[in-house]
Amino acid sequence: MYIVVEGEDPGFDIFVNGRALARHEDALERLALRLAVRPLIEFFSADENSMSLLIEEGAGNPDLMRRLPPPQWYGAADGLATVRTLVAALEADPQQLGTEGAQVLGELQEYERVLERTMRAGLRWHLAVSWR
């Protein structure tokens, strides 16, 4: 799972290796719901680039490209509310996600930095998924 910031180039590095987040997405969703915040997966949106990659990898249906809705964009403050709540919960107890809890926490902290910069720049964002 990775962050996509609206526009060609936001002027800052948005890369976060979200592999641990992707592996623990179900547990993070349950944790977010328990903490009464919006789950990260609700910020997902498929754009043409990510769907093209999926289809190139042979995992998608080319007919979907014609029916793909426009990407959905979200305010960075909304994402920060979720991420900061999850960070606080995992800082208090990183083992609640098992042995990779510290790695998930690290990726969430990277998300937090990217979303803070996104908010300061007045840009919107969404999550995308790489199937590589």
C-alpha atoms as a PDB file:
ATOM      1  CA  MET A   1       0.000   0.000   0.000  1.00  0.00           C
ATOM      2  CA  TYR A   2       1.433   3.333  -0.974  1.00  0.00           C
ATOM      3  CA  ILE A   3       0.439   6.992  -0.956  1.00  0.00           C
ATOM      4  CA  VAL A   4      -0.403   8.828  -4.162  1.00  0.00           C
ATOM      5  CA  VAL A   5      -0.478  12.629  -3.917  1.00  0.00           C
ATOM      6  CA  GLU A   6      -2.600  14.562  -6.374  1.00  0.00           C
ATOM      7  CA  GLY A   7      -0.731  16.229  -9.218  1.00  0.00           C
ATOM      8  CA  GLU A   8       2.392  15.489 -11.201  1.00  0.00           C
ATOM      9  CA  ASP A   9       5.030  16.237  -8.544  1.00  0.00           C
ATOM     10  CA  PRO A  10       4.228  17.396  -5.020  1.00  0.00           C
ATOM     11  CA  GLY A  11       7.805  18.622  -4.546  1.00  0.00           C
ATOM     12  CA  PHE A  12       8.673  16.132  -1.809  1.00  0.00           C
ATOM     13  CA  ASP A  13       9.349  12.416  -1.464  1.00  0.00           C
ATOM     14  CA  ILE A  14       6.148  10.420  -0.978  1.00  0.00           C
ATOM     15  CA  PHE A  15       7.682   6.938  -1.054  1.00  0.00           C
ATOM     16  CA  VAL A  16       6.760   4.626   1.818  1.00  0.00           C
ATOM     17  CA  ASN A  17       7.336   0.886   1.629  1.00  0.00           C
ATOM     18  CA  GLY A  18       3.877  -0.173   2.763  1.00  0.00           C
ATOM     19  CA  ARG A  19       4.413  -3.931   2.569  1.00  0.00           C
ATOM     20  CA  ALA A  20       3.966  -4.525   6.302  1.00  0.00           C
ATOM     21  CA  LEU A  21       0.839  -2.347   6.248  1.00  0.00           C
ATOM     22  CA  ALA A  22      -0.537  -4.382   3.352  1.00  0.00           C
ATOM     23  CA  ARG A  23       0.192  -7.681   5.115  1.00  0.00           C
ATOM     24  CA  HIS A  24      -1.620  -6.462   8.233  1.00  0.00           C
ATOM     25  CA  GLU A  25      -4.415  -4.518   6.545  1.00  0.00           C
ATOM     26  CA  ASP A  26      -7.181  -6.648   8.087  1.00  0.00           C
ATOM     27  CA  ALA A  27      -5.763  -6.279  11.602  1.00  0.00           C
ATOM     28  CA  LEU A  28      -5.255  -2.542  11.072  1.00  0.00           C
ATOM     29  CA  GLU A  29      -8.842  -2.200   9.890  1.00  0.00           C
ATOM     30  CA  ARG A  30     -10.107  -3.955  13.026  1.00  0.00           C
ATOM     31  CA  LEU A  31      -7.847  -1.780  15.189  1.00  0.00           C
ATOM     32  CA  ALA A  32      -9.060   1.416  13.484  1.00  0.00           C
ATOM     33  CA  LEU A  33     -12.695   0.433  13.977  1.00  0.00           C
ATOM     34  CA  ARG A  34     -12.018  -0.396  17.623  1.00  0.00           C
ATOM     35  CA  LEU A  35     -10.392   3.043  18.010  1.00  0.00           C
ATOM     36  CA  ALA A  36     -13.341   4.705  16.218  1.00  0.00           C
ATOM     37  CA  VAL A  37     -11.335   6.081  13.274  1.00  0.00           C
ATOM     38  CA  ARG A  38     -11.698   5.539   9.556  1.00  0.00           C
ATOM     39  CA  PRO A  39      -9.749   2.444   8.394  1.00  0.00           C
ATOM     40  CA  LEU A  40      -6.858   3.117   6.041  1.00  0.00           C
ATOM     41  CA  ILE A  41      -8.364   0.930   3.318  1.00  0.00           C
ATOM     42  CA  GLU A  42     -11.230   3.429   3.031  1.00  0.00           C
ATOM     43  CA  PHE A  43      -8.712   5.875   1.550  1.00  0.00           C
ATOM     44  CA  PHE A  44      -7.986   3.475  -1.348  1.00  0.00           C
ATOM     45  CA  SER A  45      -8.652   4.550  -4.894  1.00  0.00           C
ATOM     46  CA  ALA A  46      -7.550   2.894  -8.122  1.00  0.00           C
ATOM     47  CA  ASP A  47      -6.135   5.210 -10.743  1.00  0.00           C
ATOM     48  CA  GLU A  48      -5.221   4.448 -14.340  1.00  0.00           C
ATOM     49  CA  ASN A  49      -1.534   3.983 -13.535  1.00  0.00           C
ATOM     50  CA  SER A  50      -2.064   1.400 -10.809  1.00  0.00           C
ATOM     51  CA  MET A  51      -4.698  -0.460 -12.841  1.00  0.00           C
ATOM     52  CA  SER A  52      -2.396  -0.472 -15.900  1.00  0.00           C
ATOM     53  CA  LEU A  53       0.355  -2.051 -13.806  1.00  0.00           C
ATOM     54  CA  LEU A  54      -2.065  -4.664 -12.518  1.00  0.00           C
ATOM     55  CA  ILE A  55      -3.180  -5.546 -16.032  1.00  0.00           C
ATOM     56  CA  GLU A  56       0.427  -5.643 -17.311  1.00  0.00           C
ATOM     57  CA  GLU A  57       1.189  -8.147 -14.559  1.00  0.00           C
ATOM     58  CA  GLY A  58      -1.655 -10.301 -15.843  1.00  0.00           C
ATOM     59  CA  ALA A  59      -3.749  -9.945 -12.694  1.00  0.00           C
ATOM     60  CA  GLY A  60      -6.535  -7.736 -13.971  1.00  0.00           C
ATOM     61  CA  ASN A  61      -9.191  -7.573 -16.612  1.00  0.00           C
ATOM     62  CA  PRO A  62      -8.422  -5.047 -19.414  1.00  0.00           C
ATOM     63  CA  ASP A  63     -12.182  -4.360 -19.702  1.00  0.00           C
ATOM     64  CA  LEU A  64     -12.033  -2.749 -16.250  1.00  0.00           C
ATOM     65  CA  MET A  65      -9.980   0.137 -17.651  1.00  0.00           C
ATOM     66  CA  ARG A  66     -12.978   1.316 -19.696  1.00  0.00           C
ATOM     67  CA  ARG A  67     -15.255   1.251 -16.627  1.00  0.00           C
ATOM     68  CA  LEU A  68     -12.783   2.635 -14.090  1.00  0.00           C
ATOM     69  CA  PRO A  69     -14.314   5.513 -12.105  1.00  0.00           C
ATOM     70  CA  PRO A  70     -12.225   8.648 -11.680  1.00  0.00           C
ATOM     71  CA  PRO A  71      -9.769   8.503  -8.774  1.00  0.00           C
ATOM     72  CA  GLN A  72     -11.099   9.598  -5.401  1.00  0.00           C
ATOM     73  CA  TRP A  73      -8.998  12.128  -3.481  1.00  0.00           C
ATOM     74  CA  TYR A  74      -9.023  12.721   0.259  1.00  0.00           C
ATOM     75  CA  GLY A  75      -7.920  15.531   2.528  1.00  0.00           C
ATOM     76  CA  ALA A  76      -4.604  14.880   4.248  1.00  0.00           C
ATOM     77  CA  ALA A  77      -6.094  15.873   7.615  1.00  0.00           C
ATOM     78  CA  ASP A  78      -8.570  12.987   7.371  1.00  0.00           C
ATOM     79  CA  GLY A  79      -5.765  10.508   6.738  1.00  0.00           C
ATOM     80  CA  LEU A  80      -3.678  12.021   9.519  1.00  0.00           C
ATOM     81  CA  ALA A  81      -6.492  11.472  12.014  1.00  0.00           C
ATOM     82  CA  THR A  82      -6.434   7.751  11.263  1.00  0.00           C
ATOM     83  CA  VAL A  83      -2.667   7.409  11.049  1.00  0.00           C
ATOM     84  CA  ARG A  84      -1.973   9.333  14.261  1.00  0.00           C
ATOM     85  CA  THR A  85      -4.511   7.276  16.188  1.00  0.00           C
ATOM     86  CA  LEU A  86      -3.003   4.030  14.908  1.00  0.00           C
ATOM     87  CA  VAL A  87       0.526   5.265  15.682  1.00  0.00           C
ATOM     88  CA  ALA A  88      -0.445   6.126  19.257  1.00  0.00           C
ATOM     89  CA  ALA A  89      -2.063   2.717  19.771  1.00  0.00           C
ATOM     90  CA  LEU A  90       0.948   0.854  18.378  1.00  0.00           C
ATOM     91  CA  GLU A  91       3.432   2.978  20.311  1.00  0.00           C
ATOM     92  CA  ALA A  92       1.579   1.924  23.453  1.00  0.00           C
ATOM     93  CA  ASP A  93       1.621  -1.738  22.417  1.00  0.00           C
ATOM     94  CA  PRO A  94       3.407  -2.646  19.154  1.00  0.00           C
ATOM     95  CA  GLN A  95       2.979  -6.369  19.837  1.00  0.00           C
ATOM     96  CA  GLN A  96      -0.777  -6.163  19.287  1.00  0.00           C
ATOM     97  CA  LEU A  97       0.018  -6.825  15.610  1.00  0.00           C
ATOM     98  CA  GLY A  98       2.453  -9.615  16.401  1.00  0.00           C
ATOM     99  CA  THR A  99       6.134  -9.755  15.601  1.00  0.00           C
ATOM    100  CA  GLU A 100       5.867  -7.202  12.771  1.00  0.00           C
ATOM    101  CA  GLY A 101       4.190  -4.590  14.961  1.00  0.00           C
ATOM    102  CA  ALA A 102       7.311  -2.433  15.094  1.00  0.00           C
ATOM    103  CA  GLN A 103       7.664  -2.562  11.300  1.00  0.00           C
ATOM    104  CA  VAL A 104       3.991  -1.589  10.835  1.00  0.00           C
ATOM    105  CA  LEU A 105       4.498   1.254  13.323  1.00  0.00           C
ATOM    106  CA  GLY A 106       7.523   2.476  11.352  1.00  0.00           C
ATOM    107  CA  GLU A 107       5.575   2.524   8.098  1.00  0.00           C
ATOM    108  CA  LEU A 108       2.685   4.363   9.763  1.00  0.00           C
ATOM    109  CA  GLN A 109       5.140   6.968  11.055  1.00  0.00           C
ATOM    110  CA  GLU A 110       6.397   7.401   7.476  1.00  0.00           C
ATOM    111  CA  TYR A 111       2.779   7.815   6.308  1.00  0.00           C
ATOM    112  CA  GLU A 112       2.367  10.459   8.994  1.00  0.00           C
ATOM    113  CA  ARG A 113       5.364  12.451   7.688  1.00  0.00           C
ATOM    114  CA  VAL A 114       4.145  12.250   4.081  1.00  0.00           C
ATOM    115  CA  LEU A 115       0.590  13.245   5.000  1.00  0.00           C
ATOM    116  CA  GLU A 116       1.835  16.169   7.103  1.00  0.00           C
ATOM    117  CA  ARG A 117       3.765  17.483   4.093  1.00  0.00           C
ATOM    118  CA  THR A 118       0.755  16.819   1.860  1.00  0.00           C
ATOM    119  CA  MET A 119      -1.446  18.853   4.197  1.00  0.00           C
ATOM    120  CA  ARG A 120       1.066  21.732   4.379  1.00  0.00           C
ATOM    121  CA  ALA A 121       1.182  21.778   0.570  1.00  0.00           C
ATOM    122  CA  GLY A 122      -2.634  21.917   0.397  1.00  0.00           C
ATOM    123  CA  LEU A 123      -2.779  18.727  -1.663  1.00  0.00           C
ATOM    124  CA  ARG A 124      -5.046  15.692  -1.560  1.00  0.00           C
ATOM    125  CA  TRP A 125      -4.099  12.024  -1.526  1.00  0.00           C
ATOM    126  CA  HIS A 126      -5.285   8.429  -1.721  1.00  0.00           C
ATOM    127  CA  LEU A 127      -3.879   4.969  -1.150  1.00  0.00           C
ATOM    128  CA  ALA A 128      -3.011   2.667  -3.999  1.00  0.00           C
ATOM    129  CA  VAL A 129      -1.881  -0.936  -4.020  1.00  0.00           C
ATOM    130  CA  SER A 130       0.980  -2.497  -5.897  1.00  0.00           C
ATOM    131  CA  TRP A 131       0.668  -6.192  -6.631  1.00  0.00           C
ATOM    132  CA  ARG A 132       4.412  -6.669  -7.172  1.00  0.00           C
END
